[in-house]
Amino acid sequence: PVYLLRHDYGVEEIGYTFSVFIIGGLLATVPVTHLADRFSKSKVLLGSVCMVVLSVLGLSLLDNVIATKVFAFIAGASMSPIFPLSRALIGSKLPTEKLPSGTALFTAIYSAGCTAGPILSALAMKYWGDRYIFSLMLAIFVIFMVRLMINKKKRRLGYN
């Protein structure tokens, strides 16, 4: 909200923008996870992460009310399935006896990221300026995307 307030968005517009983000997530999570069950969890996860990167770039670079809403919808639609897809991948990779501890560790790390993210984004805005609010998130998702691509290539070459 602070970022949008600093860009002269009214309180109503901020509410609409967040609503569009949430609606994107609500509408996309079930169909995207269903696609992952039909095709490949890792491919669908990679696609979601790529869409997050593109939408965050759009949110960072464009300063238009309509574009902000469109990219907020895409960001919500692509970000929301990442948790269930990642958790499903953990479930398919870990042996049954390690599943509870693996899931707990994943949830703890994910929660720590959700807690630290807004704080670190606020610091990025404070020290580098408003336009850098998404820089940390963008960097993390680009690293995640590259890692998924490396894993995909390793699997294709038979290393994994």
N, C-alpha and C. Protein backbone atom coordinates (compact mmCIF):
# COMPACT_ATOMS: atom_id res chain seq x y z
N PRO A 1 0.81 -1.21 0.00
CA PRO A 1 0.00 0.00 0.00
C PRO A 1 0.85 1.27 0.00
N VAL A 2 1.97 1.26 0.72
CA VAL A 2 2.81 2.45 0.79
C VAL A 2 3.34 2.81 -0.59
N TYR A 3 3.76 1.80 -1.34
CA TYR A 3 4.27 2.03 -2.69
C TYR A 3 3.21 2.70 -3.56
N LEU A 4 1.99 2.18 -3.52
CA LEU A 4 0.91 2.75 -4.33
C LEU A 4 0.51 4.14 -3.83
N LEU A 5 0.52 4.35 -2.52
CA LEU A 5 0.22 5.68 -1.99
C LEU A 5 1.25 6.71 -2.47
N ARG A 6 2.50 6.30 -2.51
CA ARG A 6 3.56 7.21 -2.98
C ARG A 6 3.46 7.49 -4.47
N HIS A 7 2.72 6.66 -5.18
CA HIS A 7 2.51 6.89 -6.61
C HIS A 7 1.12 7.47 -6.89
N ASP A 8 0.59 8.16 -5.89
CA ASP A 8 -0.66 8.92 -5.99
C ASP A 8 -1.89 8.06 -6.27
N TYR A 9 -1.89 6.82 -5.83
CA TYR A 9 -3.09 6.00 -5.91
C TYR A 9 -3.96 6.33 -4.72
N GLY A 10 -5.26 6.42 -4.96
CA GLY A 10 -6.18 6.64 -3.87
C GLY A 10 -6.39 5.35 -3.09
N VAL A 11 -6.98 5.47 -1.92
CA VAL A 11 -7.22 4.30 -1.08
C VAL A 11 -8.11 3.29 -1.80
N GLU A 12 -9.11 3.78 -2.54
CA GLU A 12 -9.98 2.88 -3.31
C GLU A 12 -9.20 2.11 -4.36
N GLU A 13 -8.34 2.81 -5.09
CA GLU A 13 -7.53 2.16 -6.13
C GLU A 13 -6.60 1.11 -5.54
N ILE A 14 -6.06 1.40 -4.37
CA ILE A 14 -5.18 0.44 -3.70
C ILE A 14 -5.99 -0.80 -3.33
N GLY A 15 -7.18 -0.59 -2.81
CA GLY A 15 -8.06 -1.72 -2.47
C GLY A 15 -8.41 -2.55 -3.69
N TYR A 16 -8.73 -1.89 -4.79
CA TYR A 16 -9.03 -2.61 -6.03
C TYR A 16 -7.83 -3.39 -6.52
N THR A 17 -6.65 -2.78 -6.45
CA THR A 17 -5.44 -3.45 -6.92
C THR A 17 -5.15 -4.70 -6.10
N PHE A 18 -5.26 -4.60 -4.78
CA PHE A 18 -5.05 -5.78 -3.95
C PHE A 18 -6.13 -6.83 -4.19
N SER A 19 -7.36 -6.39 -4.42
CA SER A 19 -8.44 -7.33 -4.72
C SER A 19 -8.17 -8.09 -6.01
N VAL A 20 -7.68 -7.39 -7.02
CA VAL A 20 -7.36 -8.02 -8.29
C VAL A 20 -6.25 -9.06 -8.10
N PHE A 21 -5.25 -8.73 -7.29
CA PHE A 21 -4.18 -9.68 -6.98
C PHE A 21 -4.74 -10.94 -6.33
N ILE A 22 -5.58 -10.76 -5.32
CA ILE A 22 -6.17 -11.90 -4.59
C ILE A 22 -7.07 -12.71 -5.51
N ILE A 23 -7.89 -12.05 -6.31
CA ILE A 23 -8.78 -12.77 -7.23
C ILE A 23 -7.97 -13.58 -8.23
N GLY A 24 -6.87 -13.02 -8.72
CA GLY A 24 -6.00 -13.78 -9.62
C GLY A 24 -5.52 -15.06 -8.97
N GLY A 25 -5.11 -14.97 -7.72
CA GLY A 25 -4.67 -16.16 -6.99
C GLY A 25 -5.77 -17.16 -6.76
N LEU A 26 -6.94 -16.66 -6.40
CA LEU A 26 -8.08 -17.57 -6.16
C LEU A 26 -8.51 -18.29 -7.43
N LEU A 27 -8.53 -17.57 -8.53
CA LEU A 27 -8.98 -18.17 -9.79
C LEU A 27 -7.96 -19.13 -10.39
N ALA A 28 -6.69 -18.93 -10.11
CA ALA A 28 -5.66 -19.72 -10.80
C ALA A 28 -5.15 -20.93 -10.03
N THR A 29 -5.21 -20.91 -8.73
CA THR A 29 -4.54 -21.97 -7.96
C THR A 29 -5.05 -23.36 -8.28
N VAL A 30 -6.35 -23.56 -8.26
CA VAL A 30 -6.88 -24.90 -8.53
C VAL A 30 -6.62 -25.34 -9.97
N PRO A 31 -6.91 -24.52 -10.99
CA PRO A 31 -6.60 -24.98 -12.36
C PRO A 31 -5.11 -25.23 -12.60
N VAL A 32 -4.26 -24.38 -12.05
CA VAL A 32 -2.82 -24.56 -12.27
C VAL A 32 -2.33 -25.83 -11.58
N THR A 33 -2.77 -26.09 -10.37
CA THR A 33 -2.35 -27.32 -9.69
C THR A 33 -2.94 -28.55 -10.38
N HIS A 34 -4.11 -28.41 -10.96
CA HIS A 34 -4.69 -29.51 -11.74
C HIS A 34 -3.82 -29.79 -12.97
N LEU A 35 -3.38 -28.73 -13.64
CA LEU A 35 -2.46 -28.90 -14.78
C LEU A 35 -1.18 -29.62 -14.34
N ALA A 36 -0.69 -29.29 -13.16
CA ALA A 36 0.53 -29.93 -12.65
C ALA A 36 0.31 -31.42 -12.44
N ASP A 37 -0.89 -31.80 -12.02
CA ASP A 37 -1.19 -33.23 -11.86
C ASP A 37 -1.27 -33.94 -13.19
N ARG A 38 -1.74 -33.25 -14.20
CA ARG A 38 -1.87 -33.87 -15.53
C ARG A 38 -0.56 -33.91 -16.29
N PHE A 39 0.26 -32.90 -16.12
CA PHE A 39 1.51 -32.82 -16.87
C PHE A 39 2.68 -33.07 -15.94
N SER A 40 3.43 -32.07 -15.62
CA SER A 40 4.60 -32.22 -14.75
C SER A 40 4.60 -31.09 -13.73
N LYS A 41 4.72 -31.46 -12.46
CA LYS A 41 4.73 -30.44 -11.41
C LYS A 41 5.88 -29.46 -11.60
N SER A 42 7.05 -29.98 -11.94
CA SER A 42 8.21 -29.09 -12.08
C SER A 42 8.07 -28.16 -13.29
N LYS A 43 7.47 -28.63 -14.39
CA LYS A 43 7.27 -27.77 -15.56
C LYS A 43 6.25 -26.67 -15.25
N VAL A 44 5.18 -27.03 -14.59
CA VAL A 44 4.15 -26.04 -14.25
C VAL A 44 4.70 -25.05 -13.22
N LEU A 45 5.50 -25.54 -12.28
CA LEU A 45 6.14 -24.65 -11.31
C LEU A 45 7.07 -23.67 -12.02
N LEU A 46 7.85 -24.16 -12.96
CA LEU A 46 8.74 -23.29 -13.73
C LEU A 46 7.93 -22.24 -14.50
N GLY A 47 6.83 -22.66 -15.11
CA GLY A 47 5.97 -21.71 -15.82
C GLY A 47 5.41 -20.65 -14.89
N SER A 48 4.99 -21.05 -13.70
CA SER A 48 4.46 -20.09 -12.72
C SER A 48 5.54 -19.10 -12.30
N VAL A 49 6.73 -19.60 -12.05
CA VAL A 49 7.83 -18.71 -11.63
C VAL A 49 8.18 -17.74 -12.76
N CYS A 50 8.20 -18.22 -13.99
CA CYS A 50 8.47 -17.33 -15.14
C CYS A 50 7.41 -16.23 -15.22
N MET A 51 6.15 -16.60 -15.00
CA MET A 51 5.07 -15.60 -15.04
C MET A 51 5.21 -14.59 -13.89
N VAL A 52 5.66 -15.06 -12.73
CA VAL A 52 5.90 -14.14 -11.61
C VAL A 52 6.98 -13.13 -12.01
N VAL A 53 8.06 -13.62 -12.60
CA VAL A 53 9.15 -12.72 -13.00
C VAL A 53 8.64 -11.68 -13.99
N LEU A 54 7.89 -12.12 -14.99
CA LEU A 54 7.36 -11.18 -15.98
C LEU A 54 6.40 -10.17 -15.36
N SER A 55 5.52 -10.65 -14.48
CA SER A 55 4.55 -9.74 -13.87
C SER A 55 5.22 -8.74 -12.93
N VAL A 56 6.22 -9.19 -12.19
CA VAL A 56 6.93 -8.28 -11.29
C VAL A 56 7.72 -7.25 -12.09
N LEU A 57 8.30 -7.68 -13.21
CA LEU A 57 8.96 -6.70 -14.09
C LEU A 57 7.96 -5.67 -14.59
N GLY A 58 6.77 -6.13 -14.98
CA GLY A 58 5.73 -5.21 -15.43
C GLY A 58 5.32 -4.24 -14.34
N LEU A 59 5.15 -4.75 -13.12
CA LEU A 59 4.79 -3.88 -12.00
C LEU A 59 5.89 -2.88 -11.69
N SER A 60 7.13 -3.29 -11.88
CA SER A 60 8.27 -2.41 -11.58
C SER A 60 8.47 -1.32 -12.63
N LEU A 61 8.23 -1.67 -13.88
CA LEU A 61 8.60 -0.76 -14.97
C LEU A 61 7.46 0.13 -15.46
N LEU A 62 6.23 -0.33 -15.32
CA LEU A 62 5.10 0.44 -15.84
C LEU A 62 4.42 1.22 -14.73
N ASP A 63 4.03 2.43 -15.03
CA ASP A 63 3.35 3.27 -14.05
C ASP A 63 2.02 3.73 -14.63
N ASN A 64 1.11 2.78 -14.75
CA ASN A 64 -0.20 3.02 -15.34
C ASN A 64 -1.22 2.26 -14.51
N VAL A 65 -2.35 2.88 -14.20
CA VAL A 65 -3.34 2.26 -13.33
C VAL A 65 -3.84 0.94 -13.90
N ILE A 66 -4.16 0.91 -15.17
CA ILE A 66 -4.70 -0.32 -15.78
C ILE A 66 -3.61 -1.39 -15.86
N ALA A 67 -2.41 -1.01 -16.29
CA ALA A 67 -1.31 -1.98 -16.37
C ALA A 67 -0.99 -2.55 -14.99
N THR A 68 -1.05 -1.71 -13.96
CA THR A 68 -0.79 -2.18 -12.61
C THR A 68 -1.80 -3.25 -12.21
N LYS A 69 -3.06 -3.04 -12.54
CA LYS A 69 -4.08 -4.04 -12.20
C LYS A 69 -3.89 -5.33 -12.99
N VAL A 70 -3.57 -5.21 -14.27
CA VAL A 70 -3.35 -6.40 -15.10
C VAL A 70 -2.17 -7.20 -14.55
N PHE A 71 -1.06 -6.53 -14.27
CA PHE A 71 0.11 -7.24 -13.76
C PHE A 71 -0.11 -7.74 -12.33
N ALA A 72 -0.92 -7.04 -11.54
CA ALA A 72 -1.26 -7.53 -10.20
C ALA A 72 -2.06 -8.82 -10.30
N PHE A 73 -2.99 -8.88 -11.25
CA PHE A 73 -3.77 -10.11 -11.47
C PHE A 73 -2.85 -11.26 -11.87
N ILE A 74 -1.96 -10.99 -12.83
CA ILE A 74 -1.03 -12.03 -13.30
C ILE A 74 -0.10 -12.46 -12.17
N ALA A 75 0.37 -11.50 -11.38
CA ALA A 75 1.24 -11.84 -10.25
C ALA A 75 0.51 -12.72 -9.25
N GLY A 76 -0.72 -12.38 -8.92
CA GLY A 76 -1.49 -13.20 -8.00
C GLY A 76 -1.76 -14.59 -8.56
N ALA A 77 -2.11 -14.63 -9.85
CA ALA A 77 -2.42 -15.91 -10.49
C ALA A 77 -1.20 -16.80 -10.61
N SER A 78 -0.04 -16.22 -10.74
CA SER A 78 1.17 -17.04 -10.90
C SER A 78 1.87 -17.32 -9.57
N MET A 79 1.71 -16.43 -8.60
CA MET A 79 2.37 -16.62 -7.31
C MET A 79 1.64 -17.59 -6.39
N SER A 80 0.33 -17.54 -6.40
CA SER A 80 -0.45 -18.37 -5.48
C SER A 80 -0.24 -19.87 -5.64
N PRO A 81 -0.09 -20.39 -6.85
CA PRO A 81 0.13 -21.85 -6.97
C PRO A 81 1.53 -22.31 -6.57
N ILE A 82 2.46 -21.41 -6.35
CA ILE A 82 3.84 -21.82 -6.07
C ILE A 82 3.94 -22.63 -4.78
N PHE A 83 3.26 -22.21 -3.73
CA PHE A 83 3.32 -22.96 -2.47
C PHE A 83 2.79 -24.38 -2.63
N PRO A 84 1.57 -24.57 -3.14
CA PRO A 84 1.08 -25.96 -3.26
C PRO A 84 1.89 -26.80 -4.25
N LEU A 85 2.38 -26.18 -5.32
CA LEU A 85 3.19 -26.94 -6.28
C LEU A 85 4.51 -27.37 -5.65
N SER A 86 5.14 -26.48 -4.92
CA SER A 86 6.40 -26.81 -4.26
C SER A 86 6.20 -27.90 -3.22
N ARG A 87 5.13 -27.77 -2.48
CA ARG A 87 4.84 -28.78 -1.46
C ARG A 87 4.53 -30.13 -2.08
N ALA A 88 3.84 -30.13 -3.20
CA ALA A 88 3.56 -31.39 -3.90
C ALA A 88 4.85 -32.02 -4.41
N LEU A 89 5.78 -31.20 -4.89
CA LEU A 89 7.08 -31.73 -5.33
C LEU A 89 7.84 -32.36 -4.17
N ILE A 90 7.78 -31.72 -3.01
CA ILE A 90 8.42 -32.30 -1.83
C ILE A 90 7.80 -33.66 -1.52
N GLY A 91 6.48 -33.71 -1.58
CA GLY A 91 5.78 -34.96 -1.31
C GLY A 91 6.14 -36.07 -2.28
N SER A 92 6.43 -35.71 -3.51
CA SER A 92 6.77 -36.74 -4.50
C SER A 92 8.24 -37.14 -4.44
N LYS A 93 9.09 -36.33 -3.85
CA LYS A 93 10.53 -36.61 -3.80
C LYS A 93 10.98 -37.30 -2.52
N LEU A 94 10.35 -36.96 -1.40
CA LEU A 94 10.80 -37.49 -0.12
C LEU A 94 10.21 -38.86 0.18
N PRO A 95 10.99 -39.71 0.86
CA PRO A 95 10.40 -40.96 1.33
C PRO A 95 9.36 -40.68 2.42
N THR A 96 8.44 -41.58 2.59
CA THR A 96 7.30 -41.38 3.50
C THR A 96 7.74 -41.01 4.91
N GLU A 97 8.79 -41.64 5.43
CA GLU A 97 9.20 -41.38 6.81
C GLU A 97 9.81 -39.98 6.99
N LYS A 98 10.27 -39.36 5.93
CA LYS A 98 10.85 -38.02 6.02
C LYS A 98 9.87 -36.92 5.61
N LEU A 99 8.70 -37.30 5.18
CA LEU A 99 7.71 -36.34 4.70
C LEU A 99 7.28 -35.32 5.76
N PRO A 100 6.96 -35.74 7.00
CA PRO A 100 6.56 -34.73 8.00
C PRO A 100 7.64 -33.69 8.29
N SER A 101 8.88 -34.14 8.47
CA SER A 101 9.94 -33.18 8.78
C SER A 101 10.28 -32.32 7.56
N GLY A 102 10.23 -32.89 6.37
CA GLY A 102 10.49 -32.12 5.15
C GLY A 102 9.43 -31.06 4.92
N THR A 103 8.18 -31.43 5.13
CA THR A 103 7.08 -30.48 4.97
C THR A 103 7.16 -29.38 6.02
N ALA A 104 7.49 -29.76 7.26
CA ALA A 104 7.61 -28.76 8.33
C ALA A 104 8.75 -27.78 8.03
N LEU A 105 9.88 -28.30 7.57
CA LEU A 105 11.02 -27.43 7.24
C LEU A 105 10.67 -26.49 6.09
N PHE A 106 10.01 -27.02 5.06
CA PHE A 106 9.60 -26.19 3.93
C PHE A 106 8.66 -25.08 4.39
N THR A 107 7.67 -25.43 5.20
CA THR A 107 6.70 -24.45 5.68
C THR A 107 7.38 -23.38 6.54
N ALA A 108 8.34 -23.79 7.38
CA ALA A 108 9.06 -22.83 8.22
C ALA A 108 9.87 -21.86 7.37
N ILE A 109 10.58 -22.37 6.37
CA ILE A 109 11.39 -21.51 5.51
C ILE A 109 10.49 -20.58 4.69
N TYR A 110 9.40 -21.11 4.17
CA TYR A 110 8.45 -20.30 3.40
C TYR A 110 7.88 -19.18 4.29
N SER A 111 7.52 -19.53 5.52
CA SER A 111 6.98 -18.53 6.45
C SER A 111 8.00 -17.46 6.79
N ALA A 112 9.25 -17.88 6.98
CA ALA A 112 10.32 -16.90 7.27
C ALA A 112 10.47 -15.93 6.10
N GLY A 113 10.39 -16.46 4.89
CA GLY A 113 10.47 -15.59 3.70
C GLY A 113 9.30 -14.63 3.62
N CYS A 114 8.11 -15.12 3.96
CA CYS A 114 6.92 -14.26 3.94
C CYS A 114 7.00 -13.17 5.01
N THR A 115 7.69 -13.46 6.09
CA THR A 115 7.86 -12.48 7.16
C THR A 115 8.95 -11.47 6.81
N ALA A 116 10.07 -11.97 6.31
CA ALA A 116 11.21 -11.10 6.02
C ALA A 116 11.00 -10.27 4.75
N GLY A 117 10.25 -10.79 3.80
CA GLY A 117 10.06 -10.11 2.52
C GLY A 117 9.58 -8.67 2.63
N PRO A 118 8.49 -8.42 3.32
CA PRO A 118 8.01 -7.03 3.43
C PRO A 118 9.00 -6.11 4.14
N ILE A 119 9.69 -6.64 5.15
CA ILE A 119 10.67 -5.82 5.86
C ILE A 119 11.83 -5.46 4.93
N LEU A 120 12.34 -6.45 4.21
CA LEU A 120 13.46 -6.19 3.30
C LEU A 120 13.04 -5.31 2.13
N SER A 121 11.81 -5.46 1.66
CA SER A 121 11.31 -4.59 0.58
C SER A 121 11.20 -3.14 1.06
N ALA A 122 10.77 -2.97 2.31
CA ALA A 122 10.70 -1.61 2.87
C ALA A 122 12.09 -0.99 2.97
N LEU A 123 13.06 -1.81 3.35
CA LEU A 123 14.44 -1.30 3.41
C LEU A 123 14.96 -0.95 2.02
N ALA A 124 14.63 -1.77 1.03
CA ALA A 124 15.04 -1.46 -0.35
C ALA A 124 14.44 -0.14 -0.80
N MET A 125 13.16 0.09 -0.47
CA MET A 125 12.52 1.36 -0.82
C MET A 125 13.19 2.53 -0.11
N LYS A 126 13.52 2.32 1.15
CA LYS A 126 14.12 3.40 1.94
C LYS A 126 15.49 3.80 1.41
N TYR A 127 16.32 2.82 1.10
CA TYR A 127 17.70 3.12 0.71
C TYR A 127 17.90 3.32 -0.78
N TRP A 128 17.10 2.69 -1.62
CA TRP A 128 17.30 2.78 -3.07
C TRP A 128 16.20 3.54 -3.79
N GLY A 129 15.07 3.74 -3.13
CA GLY A 129 13.96 4.45 -3.75
C GLY A 129 12.76 3.53 -3.99
N ASP A 130 11.62 4.17 -4.23
CA ASP A 130 10.35 3.45 -4.38
C ASP A 130 10.36 2.41 -5.49
N ARG A 131 11.04 2.70 -6.58
CA ARG A 131 11.01 1.80 -7.74
C ARG A 131 11.65 0.44 -7.44
N TYR A 132 12.38 0.33 -6.35
CA TYR A 132 13.09 -0.91 -6.03
C TYR A 132 12.34 -1.80 -5.05
N ILE A 133 11.05 -1.52 -4.85
CA ILE A 133 10.27 -2.32 -3.91
C ILE A 133 10.25 -3.80 -4.30
N PHE A 134 10.23 -4.08 -5.59
CA PHE A 134 10.13 -5.46 -6.04
C PHE A 134 11.49 -6.09 -6.37
N SER A 135 12.58 -5.35 -6.16
CA SER A 135 13.90 -5.83 -6.60
C SER A 135 14.32 -7.11 -5.89
N LEU A 136 14.12 -7.19 -4.59
CA LEU A 136 14.50 -8.38 -3.85
C LEU A 136 13.67 -9.59 -4.29
N MET A 137 12.37 -9.39 -4.41
CA MET A 137 11.48 -10.47 -4.85
C MET A 137 11.86 -10.92 -6.25
N LEU A 138 12.14 -9.97 -7.11
CA LEU A 138 12.53 -10.29 -8.48
C LEU A 138 13.82 -11.11 -8.49
N ALA A 139 14.80 -10.70 -7.71
CA ALA A 139 16.07 -11.44 -7.65
C ALA A 139 15.86 -12.86 -7.15
N ILE A 140 15.05 -13.03 -6.12
CA ILE A 140 14.80 -14.36 -5.57
C ILE A 140 14.09 -15.24 -6.58
N PHE A 141 13.09 -14.70 -7.26
CA PHE A 141 12.37 -15.51 -8.24
C PHE A 141 13.22 -15.81 -9.48
N VAL A 142 14.11 -14.91 -9.86
CA VAL A 142 15.02 -15.21 -10.97
C VAL A 142 15.97 -16.34 -10.58
N ILE A 143 16.49 -16.30 -9.36
CA ILE A 143 17.36 -17.38 -8.88
C ILE A 143 16.58 -18.70 -8.85
N PHE A 144 15.35 -18.66 -8.37
CA PHE A 144 14.50 -19.85 -8.33
C PHE A 144 14.25 -20.38 -9.74
N MET A 145 13.98 -19.48 -10.68
CA MET A 145 13.73 -19.87 -12.06
C MET A 145 14.97 -20.53 -12.67
N VAL A 146 16.13 -19.93 -12.46
CA VAL A 146 17.38 -20.50 -12.99
C VAL A 146 17.63 -21.88 -12.37
N ARG A 147 17.40 -22.00 -11.08
CA ARG A 147 17.59 -23.29 -10.41
C ARG A 147 16.65 -24.36 -10.97
N LEU A 148 15.40 -24.00 -11.21
CA LEU A 148 14.46 -24.94 -11.81
C LEU A 148 14.90 -25.35 -13.21
N MET A 149 15.43 -24.40 -13.97
CA MET A 149 15.92 -24.71 -15.32
C MET A 149 17.13 -25.64 -15.28
N ILE A 150 18.03 -25.41 -14.33
CA ILE A 150 19.20 -26.28 -14.17
C ILE A 150 18.75 -27.69 -13.80
N ASN A 151 17.81 -27.79 -12.86
CA ASN A 151 17.30 -29.11 -12.46
C ASN A 151 16.63 -29.81 -13.63
N LYS A 152 15.89 -29.06 -14.44
CA LYS A 152 15.22 -29.64 -15.61
C LYS A 152 16.25 -30.19 -16.59
N LYS A 153 17.31 -29.42 -16.81
CA LYS A 153 18.35 -29.87 -17.73
C LYS A 153 19.07 -31.10 -17.18
N LYS A 154 19.34 -31.12 -15.88
CA LYS A 154 19.98 -32.28 -15.26
C LYS A 154 19.12 -33.53 -15.41
N ARG A 155 17.82 -33.38 -15.19
CA ARG A 155 16.91 -34.53 -15.34
C ARG A 155 16.91 -35.03 -16.77
N ARG A 156 16.91 -34.10 -17.72
CA ARG A 156 16.90 -34.47 -19.12
C ARG A 156 18.19 -35.21 -19.51
N LEU A 157 19.29 -34.81 -18.90
CA LEU A 157 20.58 -35.45 -19.19
C LEU A 157 20.82 -36.70 -18.34
N GLY A 158 19.91 -36.97 -17.41
CA GLY A 158 20.01 -38.18 -16.60
C GLY A 158 20.86 -38.04 -15.35
N TYR A 159 21.15 -36.81 -14.89
CA TYR A 159 21.95 -36.62 -13.69
C TYR A 159 21.13 -36.69 -12.41
N ASN A 160 19.83 -36.56 -12.51
CA ASN A 160 19.01 -36.48 -11.31
C ASN A 160 18.15 -37.67 -11.12
